[in-house]
Protein backbone atom coordinates (compact mmCIF):
# COMPACT_ATOMS: atom_id res chain seq x y z
CA MET A 1 -30.38 -31.23 -33.99
CA PRO A 2 -27.10 -29.28 -34.08
CA VAL A 3 -26.16 -27.31 -30.32
CA PRO A 4 -26.27 -23.68 -31.57
CA ALA A 5 -22.60 -22.05 -30.38
CA VAL A 6 -22.89 -20.16 -27.19
CA PRO A 7 -20.85 -17.08 -27.61
CA ASN A 8 -17.60 -16.90 -25.82
CA SER A 9 -18.39 -13.82 -23.14
CA PHE A 10 -14.68 -14.22 -22.30
CA ALA A 11 -13.71 -13.19 -25.18
CA LEU A 12 -15.58 -10.58 -26.03
CA ALA A 13 -14.53 -8.99 -22.54
CA LEU A 14 -11.61 -8.72 -23.23
CA ALA A 15 -11.82 -7.84 -26.58
CA GLU A 16 -13.39 -4.71 -25.23
CA LEU A 17 -10.60 -4.33 -22.36
CA GLU A 18 -8.60 -4.28 -25.24
CA ALA A 19 -10.41 -1.80 -27.75
CA ARG A 20 -10.12 0.51 -24.10
CA GLY A 21 -7.17 0.58 -23.55
CA LEU A 22 -7.82 -1.35 -20.02
CA ARG A 23 -6.32 -4.34 -20.63
CA ARG A 24 -3.48 -5.28 -18.56
CA GLN A 25 -0.19 -7.60 -18.94
CA ARG A 26 2.37 -9.10 -16.75
CA ARG A 27 5.54 -8.27 -16.82
CA THR A 28 8.75 -10.72 -16.25
CA VAL A 29 10.93 -9.02 -14.53
CA ARG A 30 14.54 -9.80 -13.57
CA ARG A 31 16.02 -8.05 -10.44
CA GLY A 32 19.64 -6.77 -11.67
CA GLU A 33 22.63 -5.73 -8.78
CA PRO A 34 21.46 -5.62 -5.09
CA GLN A 35 20.92 -2.56 -3.66
CA THR A 36 19.70 -0.88 -7.39
CA ALA A 37 16.94 -0.11 -9.02
CA ASP A 38 18.09 -2.03 -12.21
CA ILE A 39 16.17 -3.96 -13.78
CA GLN A 40 15.58 -6.04 -16.65
CA LEU A 41 11.82 -6.49 -17.67
CA ASP A 42 10.39 -8.79 -20.65
CA GLY A 43 14.37 -8.91 -21.40
CA ARG A 44 14.75 -5.21 -21.72
CA ARG A 45 17.53 -3.18 -19.33
CA CYS A 46 15.91 -0.38 -17.63
CA VAL A 47 15.62 1.47 -14.48
CA ASP A 48 12.77 0.52 -12.29
CA PHE A 49 10.58 3.61 -10.72
CA CYS A 50 7.46 1.26 -10.12
CA SER A 51 8.06 -0.34 -6.57
CA ASN A 52 7.34 0.39 -3.60
CA ASP A 53 10.55 -1.09 -2.13
CA TYR A 54 10.70 2.60 -0.50
CA LEU A 55 13.86 1.87 1.78
CA GLY A 56 15.76 -0.68 -0.59
CA LEU A 57 15.26 -3.46 2.08
CA ALA A 58 13.99 -6.64 -0.73
CA ALA A 59 17.39 -7.03 -1.23
CA HIS A 60 19.59 -5.87 2.38
CA PRO A 61 21.99 -8.88 3.20
CA ARG A 62 20.78 -8.70 6.91
CA VAL A 63 17.31 -9.40 5.52
CA VAL A 64 17.90 -11.72 3.29
CA GLU A 65 20.18 -14.06 5.80
CA ALA A 66 17.42 -14.12 8.53
CA PHE A 67 15.48 -15.29 5.73
CA ILE A 68 17.67 -18.29 5.24
CA GLY A 69 18.87 -18.74 8.01
CA ALA A 70 15.05 -19.21 9.26
CA ALA A 71 13.76 -21.25 6.14
CA ARG A 72 16.26 -23.67 7.23
CA MET A 73 15.37 -23.95 10.66
CA HIS A 74 11.94 -23.99 10.49
CA GLY A 75 11.24 -24.43 6.80
CA VAL A 76 9.58 -22.69 4.19
CA GLY A 77 5.88 -22.95 5.32
CA ALA A 78 3.91 -22.31 8.42
CA ARG A 79 1.92 -25.60 7.75
CA ALA A 80 -1.66 -24.83 9.48
CA SER A 81 -3.28 -21.75 10.12
CA HIS A 82 -2.55 -19.88 13.26
CA LEU A 83 -5.03 -21.49 15.49
CA ILE A 84 -3.92 -24.80 14.84
CA THR A 85 -0.02 -24.82 14.65
CA GLY A 86 0.90 -22.15 12.58
CA HIS A 87 1.55 -19.81 14.73
CA GLN A 88 5.57 -20.14 15.79
CA ALA A 89 7.58 -18.78 17.46
CA GLU A 90 8.84 -16.17 15.04
CA HIS A 91 5.08 -14.82 14.21
CA GLU A 92 5.11 -14.25 18.15
CA ALA A 93 8.20 -12.30 18.26
CA LEU A 94 7.26 -10.00 15.26
CA GLU A 95 3.53 -9.36 16.95
CA ARG A 96 5.84 -7.96 19.94
CA GLU A 97 8.20 -5.79 17.61
CA LEU A 98 5.74 -4.92 15.64
CA ALA A 99 3.34 -3.70 19.11
CA ALA A 100 5.98 -1.93 20.17
CA TYR A 101 7.39 -0.37 16.91
CA THR A 102 3.54 1.61 16.70
CA GLY A 103 3.20 2.05 20.52
CA ARG A 104 0.20 -0.29 21.13
CA GLU A 105 -1.05 -3.13 23.07
CA ARG A 106 -0.71 -5.52 20.95
CA ALA A 107 -0.48 -6.69 17.03
CA ILE A 108 -1.77 -9.60 14.97
CA VAL A 109 -0.45 -10.37 11.58
CA PHE A 110 -2.04 -11.23 8.27
CA SER A 111 -1.07 -13.66 5.15
CA THR A 112 -1.04 -10.41 3.21
CA GLY A 113 -2.45 -6.58 3.64
CA TYR A 114 -6.06 -7.16 1.83
CA MET A 115 -6.54 -10.11 4.01
CA ALA A 116 -5.82 -7.81 6.85
CA ASN A 117 -8.68 -5.05 5.68
CA LEU A 118 -10.98 -7.52 4.56
CA GLY A 119 -10.70 -9.18 8.10
CA LEU A 120 -10.72 -6.29 10.06
CA VAL A 121 -13.64 -4.83 8.57
CA ALA A 122 -15.63 -7.56 8.67
CA ALA A 123 -14.80 -8.65 12.51
CA LEU A 124 -15.90 -5.13 13.67
CA ALA A 125 -18.69 -3.86 11.63
CA GLY A 126 -21.62 -6.57 10.87
CA ARG A 127 -24.78 -5.88 9.09
CA ASP A 128 -25.85 -3.36 11.84
CA ALA A 129 -23.13 -1.23 11.38
CA ASP A 130 -22.24 1.59 9.01
CA VAL A 131 -19.30 2.23 7.58
CA PHE A 132 -17.30 4.77 5.82
CA GLY A 133 -14.58 5.50 3.87
CA ASP A 134 -12.67 7.92 1.79
CA CYS A 135 -13.66 7.55 -2.14
CA LEU A 136 -9.75 7.02 -3.02
CA ASN A 137 -9.33 4.51 -0.56
CA HIS A 138 -7.16 1.25 -1.63
CA ALA A 139 -9.55 -1.64 -2.88
CA SER A 140 -9.17 -3.85 0.17
CA LEU A 141 -10.49 -1.05 2.09
CA ILE A 142 -13.69 -0.60 -0.31
CA ASP A 143 -14.49 -4.31 -0.74
CA GLY A 144 -13.91 -4.97 3.16
CA GLY A 145 -17.35 -2.59 3.55
CA ARG A 146 -18.58 -4.32 0.55
CA LEU A 147 -18.47 -7.65 1.50
CA SER A 148 -18.83 -7.07 5.62
CA GLY A 149 -22.59 -6.54 5.10
CA ALA A 150 -22.53 -3.20 6.80
CA ARG A 151 -24.01 -0.18 5.14
CA LEU A 152 -21.81 1.49 3.18
CA HIS A 153 -21.29 5.69 3.09
CA ARG A 154 -18.09 6.64 0.74
CA TYR A 155 -16.81 10.44 1.05
CA PRO A 156 -15.25 12.66 -1.59
CA HIS A 157 -11.32 12.71 -1.29
CA ILE A 158 -10.14 13.60 1.83
CA ASP A 159 -13.35 16.05 2.82
CA VAL A 160 -14.01 15.97 6.05
CA ALA A 161 -16.73 17.85 6.26
CA ALA A 162 -18.77 15.83 3.64
CA LEU A 163 -17.83 12.80 6.44
CA ALA A 164 -18.87 14.56 9.67
CA GLY A 165 -21.99 14.93 7.90
CA GLN A 166 -22.64 12.10 7.28
CA LEU A 167 -21.99 11.05 10.60
CA ALA A 168 -24.53 13.07 11.83
CA VAL A 169 -27.24 11.74 10.27
CA ARG A 170 -26.38 7.99 10.58
CA GLU A 171 -28.43 5.38 12.35
CA SER A 172 -27.88 3.90 16.07
CA GLY A 173 -25.22 1.61 15.85
CA THR A 174 -21.44 0.69 15.28
CA ALA A 175 -19.98 3.22 12.68
CA LEU A 176 -16.76 2.35 11.55
CA VAL A 177 -14.72 5.07 9.21
CA LEU A 178 -11.75 3.91 6.86
CA THR A 179 -9.13 5.98 5.26
CA ASP A 180 -5.53 5.27 3.67
CA GLY A 181 -2.89 7.26 5.42
CA VAL A 182 -1.10 7.69 2.18
CA PHE A 183 -3.42 7.31 -0.40
CA SER A 184 -1.20 5.31 -2.57
CA MET A 185 -1.90 6.44 -6.22
CA ASP A 186 -2.03 10.02 -5.63
CA GLY A 187 0.65 10.45 -2.70
CA ASP A 188 -1.10 12.42 -0.82
CA PHE A 189 -2.06 12.62 3.14
CA ALA A 190 -5.33 11.79 4.56
CA PRO A 191 -6.08 14.66 6.71
CA LEU A 192 -5.79 12.19 10.13
CA PRO A 193 -6.19 14.97 13.18
CA ALA A 194 -10.02 16.10 11.74
CA LEU A 195 -10.60 12.82 10.62
CA ALA A 196 -9.76 11.52 14.27
CA ALA A 197 -12.04 14.59 15.64
CA ALA A 198 -14.79 13.82 13.68
CA CYS A 199 -14.70 10.01 14.36
CA ALA A 200 -14.45 11.53 18.34
CA LYS A 201 -17.21 13.66 18.19
CA HIS A 202 -19.80 11.36 16.55
CA GLY A 203 -18.22 8.03 18.36
CA ALA A 204 -16.81 6.00 15.69
CA LEU A 205 -13.88 3.94 15.38
CA LEU A 206 -11.27 5.28 12.83
CA ALA A 207 -8.78 2.20 11.17
CA VAL A 208 -6.06 3.69 9.10
CA ASP A 209 -4.27 1.62 6.28
CA ASP A 210 -0.79 3.18 6.72
CA ALA A 211 1.23 0.85 3.91
CA HIS A 212 2.74 3.46 2.20
CA GLY A 213 3.50 5.64 5.72
CA LEU A 214 5.13 3.24 7.70
CA GLY A 215 8.66 3.61 7.51
CA VAL A 216 9.18 6.30 5.40
CA VAL A 217 7.09 9.50 7.04
CA GLY A 218 6.94 11.09 10.53
CA ALA A 219 10.32 12.03 12.58
CA SER A 220 11.48 8.16 13.03
CA GLY A 221 9.26 6.26 10.14
CA ARG A 222 6.25 5.59 12.10
CA GLY A 223 4.34 6.63 9.71
CA SER A 224 1.17 8.90 9.34
CA LEU A 225 0.43 8.77 12.87
CA GLU A 226 3.84 9.85 13.93
CA HIS A 227 3.90 12.54 11.11
CA PHE A 228 0.57 14.30 12.59
CA GLY A 229 1.42 13.36 16.45
CA LEU A 230 -1.52 11.36 16.76
CA ALA A 231 -1.77 9.07 19.70
CA PRO A 232 -2.75 5.56 19.40
CA ALA A 233 -6.04 5.99 21.49
CA GLN A 234 -6.76 8.94 18.53
CA VAL A 235 -6.84 5.88 15.86
CA PRO A 236 -8.10 2.81 17.45
CA ALA A 237 -6.54 0.21 14.31
CA LEU A 238 -3.61 0.66 12.68
CA VAL A 239 -3.30 -1.63 9.92
CA GLY A 240 0.46 -1.97 8.33
CA THR A 241 2.34 -3.82 4.95
CA PHE A 242 5.22 -5.84 4.80
CA GLY A 243 5.56 -5.13 1.31
CA LYS A 244 6.21 -1.57 1.07
CA ALA A 245 9.03 -0.22 2.95
CA PHE A 246 10.15 -2.68 5.09
CA GLY A 247 10.40 -4.91 1.92
CA THR A 248 9.19 -8.27 2.89
CA PHE A 249 5.42 -9.91 2.35
CA GLY A 250 2.79 -10.02 4.65
CA ALA A 251 0.74 -7.86 7.01
CA PHE A 252 -0.23 -6.66 9.92
CA ILE A 253 -3.13 -4.90 12.41
CA ALA A 254 -2.00 -3.18 15.73
CA GLY A 255 -4.37 -1.63 18.45
CA SER A 256 -5.39 -2.18 22.31
CA GLU A 257 -5.43 -5.40 24.02
CA ASP A 258 -9.21 -6.19 23.59
CA LEU A 259 -9.33 -5.45 19.47
CA ILE A 260 -6.71 -7.63 18.98
CA GLU A 261 -8.10 -10.62 20.70
CA MET A 262 -11.76 -9.85 18.74
CA LEU A 263 -9.18 -10.31 14.85
CA VAL A 264 -8.19 -13.68 16.65
CA GLN A 265 -11.92 -14.39 17.16
CA ARG A 266 -14.04 -12.99 14.63
CA ALA A 267 -11.32 -12.26 11.28
CA ARG A 268 -12.05 -15.21 8.96
CA THR A 269 -9.33 -13.90 6.48
CA TYR A 270 -6.92 -14.74 9.52
CA ILE A 271 -8.67 -17.70 11.15
CA TYR A 272 -9.37 -20.07 7.67
CA THR A 273 -5.53 -19.57 5.91
CA THR A 274 -2.04 -20.93 5.99
CA ALA A 275 0.44 -18.72 8.68
CA LEU A 276 2.64 -16.85 7.05
CA PRO A 277 5.84 -18.21 6.25
CA PRO A 278 8.06 -18.30 9.74
CA ALA A 279 11.28 -17.28 7.33
CA VAL A 280 9.47 -14.23 6.30
CA ALA A 281 8.30 -13.39 9.52
CA ALA A 282 12.48 -13.37 10.87
CA ALA A 283 13.10 -11.82 7.52
CA THR A 284 10.61 -8.65 8.60
CA ARG A 285 11.90 -8.67 12.52
CA THR A 286 15.00 -7.82 10.73
CA ALA A 287 13.74 -5.71 8.24
CA LEU A 288 12.08 -3.48 10.94
CA ALA A 289 15.63 -3.30 12.79
CA VAL A 290 17.47 -2.31 10.04
CA SER A 291 14.54 0.50 9.08
CA ILE A 292 15.09 1.61 12.93
CA ASP A 293 19.28 0.98 12.71
CA GLU A 294 19.89 3.20 9.60
CA PRO A 295 17.78 5.99 9.21
CA TRP A 296 19.43 7.14 6.35
CA ARG A 297 17.93 4.81 4.28
CA ARG A 298 14.48 7.49 4.55
CA GLU A 299 16.34 10.22 5.19
CA ARG A 300 17.52 9.59 1.48
CA VAL A 301 14.28 8.19 -0.12
CA LEU A 302 12.95 11.50 0.89
CA ALA A 303 15.96 13.28 0.08
CA LEU A 304 15.42 12.23 -3.58
CA THR A 305 11.60 12.76 -3.59
CA ARG A 306 12.58 16.71 -3.06
CA ARG A 307 15.27 16.57 -5.77
CA PHE A 308 13.22 14.71 -8.39
CA ARG A 309 9.78 17.59 -7.32
CA GLU A 310 12.55 20.21 -7.71
CA LEU A 311 13.92 19.34 -11.23
CA ALA A 312 10.73 18.35 -12.48
CA LEU A 313 8.92 21.74 -11.33
CA ALA A 314 11.98 23.94 -12.15
CA VAL A 315 11.48 22.02 -15.95
CA GLY A 316 7.53 22.49 -16.26
CA ILE A 317 6.56 18.54 -15.28
CA PRO A 318 2.88 19.04 -13.74
CA LEU A 319 2.98 17.33 -10.57
CA ALA A 320 0.22 16.32 -7.85
CA ALA A 321 0.72 17.86 -4.21
CA SER A 322 2.86 14.94 -2.69
CA ALA A 323 5.45 15.00 -0.24
CA THR A 324 6.03 11.21 -0.18
CA PRO A 325 7.78 9.09 -2.55
CA ILE A 326 4.39 8.24 -5.08
CA GLN A 327 4.85 11.08 -6.90
CA PRO A 328 1.59 11.18 -9.78
CA ILE A 329 1.93 12.82 -13.00
CA LEU A 330 -1.73 13.34 -14.21
CA LEU A 331 -2.34 12.83 -18.12
CA GLY A 332 -5.85 12.07 -17.95
CA GLY A 333 -6.50 9.93 -20.67
CA VAL A 334 -5.77 5.98 -20.69
CA ASP A 335 -3.86 6.52 -24.43
CA ALA A 336 -1.57 9.01 -22.87
CA ALA A 337 -0.36 7.40 -20.06
CA MET A 338 -0.06 4.59 -22.09
CA GLN A 339 2.01 6.12 -24.78
CA ALA A 340 4.11 8.27 -22.22
CA SER A 341 4.93 4.94 -20.62
CA HIS A 342 5.77 3.40 -23.38
CA ALA A 343 7.78 6.17 -24.18
CA LEU A 344 9.72 6.32 -21.20
CA LEU A 345 10.31 2.44 -21.49
CA GLU A 346 12.12 2.98 -24.86
CA ARG A 347 14.82 5.89 -23.25
CA GLY A 348 15.23 2.88 -20.41
CA PHE A 349 12.56 3.85 -17.45
CA PHE A 350 9.90 1.61 -16.49
CA VAL A 351 7.17 4.09 -15.13
CA ALA A 352 3.28 2.21 -15.39
CA ALA A 353 0.65 3.81 -16.47
CA ILE A 354 -1.89 3.78 -14.14
CA ARG A 355 -5.33 3.63 -15.16
CA PRO A 356 -9.05 3.02 -15.04
CA PRO A 357 -10.64 1.29 -12.08
CA THR A 358 -7.29 1.35 -10.13
CA VAL A 359 -7.96 5.30 -10.36
CA PRO A 360 -11.15 7.25 -11.39
CA ALA A 361 -12.17 7.56 -15.53
CA GLY A 362 -10.20 10.72 -17.05
CA SER A 363 -6.92 10.45 -14.40
CA SER A 364 -4.50 8.25 -15.68
CA ARG A 365 -1.39 8.88 -14.79
CA LEU A 366 2.20 8.12 -14.54
CA ARG A 367 3.40 6.86 -10.87
CA VAL A 368 6.54 7.54 -10.30
CA THR A 369 8.35 6.18 -7.00
CA LEU A 370 10.88 6.63 -5.54
CA SER A 371 13.31 4.41 -3.53
CA THR A 372 16.76 4.76 -1.54
CA ALA A 373 18.24 2.19 -4.40
CA HIS A 374 17.98 4.76 -7.12
CA ARG A 375 21.07 7.02 -7.81
CA ASP A 376 20.93 10.46 -7.60
CA GLY A 377 21.77 10.02 -11.91
CA ASP A 378 18.61 7.92 -12.64
CA VAL A 379 16.43 10.40 -10.95
CA GLU A 380 18.25 13.36 -13.02
CA ALA A 381 18.25 11.33 -16.40
CA LEU A 382 14.07 10.43 -15.79
CA VAL A 383 13.44 14.08 -15.47
CA ALA A 384 15.22 14.38 -18.80
CA ALA A 385 13.48 12.42 -20.01
CA LEU A 386 9.89 13.07 -18.45
CA ALA A 387 10.88 16.74 -19.89
CA ASP A 388 11.26 15.70 -23.56
CA LEU A 389 8.24 13.90 -23.62
CA LEU A 390 5.70 16.14 -21.79
CA VAL A 391 7.35 19.30 -22.18
CA SER A 392 8.96 19.91 -25.28
CA ALA A 393 6.69 17.36 -27.25
C-alpha cells in the first residue's frame, strides 16, 4: 500500500506567518564609509536608522586596531570554556575594568547578553523561587524566568504598585525581580528607584538589564543606575552588553564578590560554552576606554535625539515619550508598519518595522535609533520623509 503523504507542517506554518505579515526576512548589509551610518542593504544605498551602535564605536580606529592586535597575539578563538583553559588575560582584565566602571566588587563576562540573562536567572532562582518581570522585558529575561523552573509572575509595564502587590502575597523563599533599565522597543526608563524600594521592603533581589542604558545615559554614561542615582546595594545584579553602545560583542554581569562567584559555580550558560574570543575582549576594553575618553560621543547622540524629537514633534509625527536614542513611532497594525518601512527605504532610509511577537499585538511600529555616526542632515532628511509619509498623506 502507498504511504500517505504527511502534510509539510513547516510549510504550513511559514505560509501562516506570511499571510499575517509576520514572516521575517534576513537582509545582507555592506557597511559604507567608516564612522558613518551609510550602508548598502541588499545592494540598495541607504542610511541606517536601526543600529544599536549608539556611540559609533564598532568601526572606531582604536577599537579595530585593538581587535587586530589581540587576534595576532591570541588567535581568533578562546579554544575552551572559561573553567577549562578559555579564561585568558584579556578576559580577566576586562572583568576588572568592568567592575571599576560599574562601581561593583566584581564582574563576569558572558558570550552573549541572552546567555547572561539565562545564566543569571537559573543560577539565582530555582524551583522554589518566585521570579517577577515587567511584561515588556527583553525576551532573554522572560525566557530566563520560564526556563529556570521558578514560579514566574509578570506585572504590567512599569507598574510598581502591581509588582508590590505580587511581592506582598508571594510564598516564602527567593524572590527575584527582573527589568530592563531602558526598554529596547519603547526607549523608556524602568522606574528603578521605586522598584528598588519595593524590593527592599519585600526582601526581593533586583536585577537590571541595562543593555541600552550603559554608555549612553547618566551623567558620565554609566547607565540607568547613574541616571537615577542608585547605589550598587540597591540593584544587586547589573547586566550589560557590549553589542550596543560599546560596538563589540558579548555581555557581562556585575555585582558583589559572592554573587559573581555564585554565577561562576552555577551559571550553565557560562560554564558550558566556549569563552568569548580574547580579541573581542581586547576590543571591548578599548571601546570602554574610548567611551570614557571621548564623552562628546554620548553628548552627540543625545543631542541628535533631542533634535530628532524637536523636528518630529513640530511637524506632528507621533512619538512615544522616550528621551533615549530609541525613538518608536507606533503605527498599530502590521501592514501600516511594513508599508511605512518600505516607503522609507525607497527614500533612502532603513527603519525596520517592529511587529509581534517582538511587541504586543496592535503596537507595531517603526523603531528609529540614533547614533553618533549620523549627520545632522541625515536626521533632518529622515524627519522630512516621515512627515511626508505619516502626516501629509
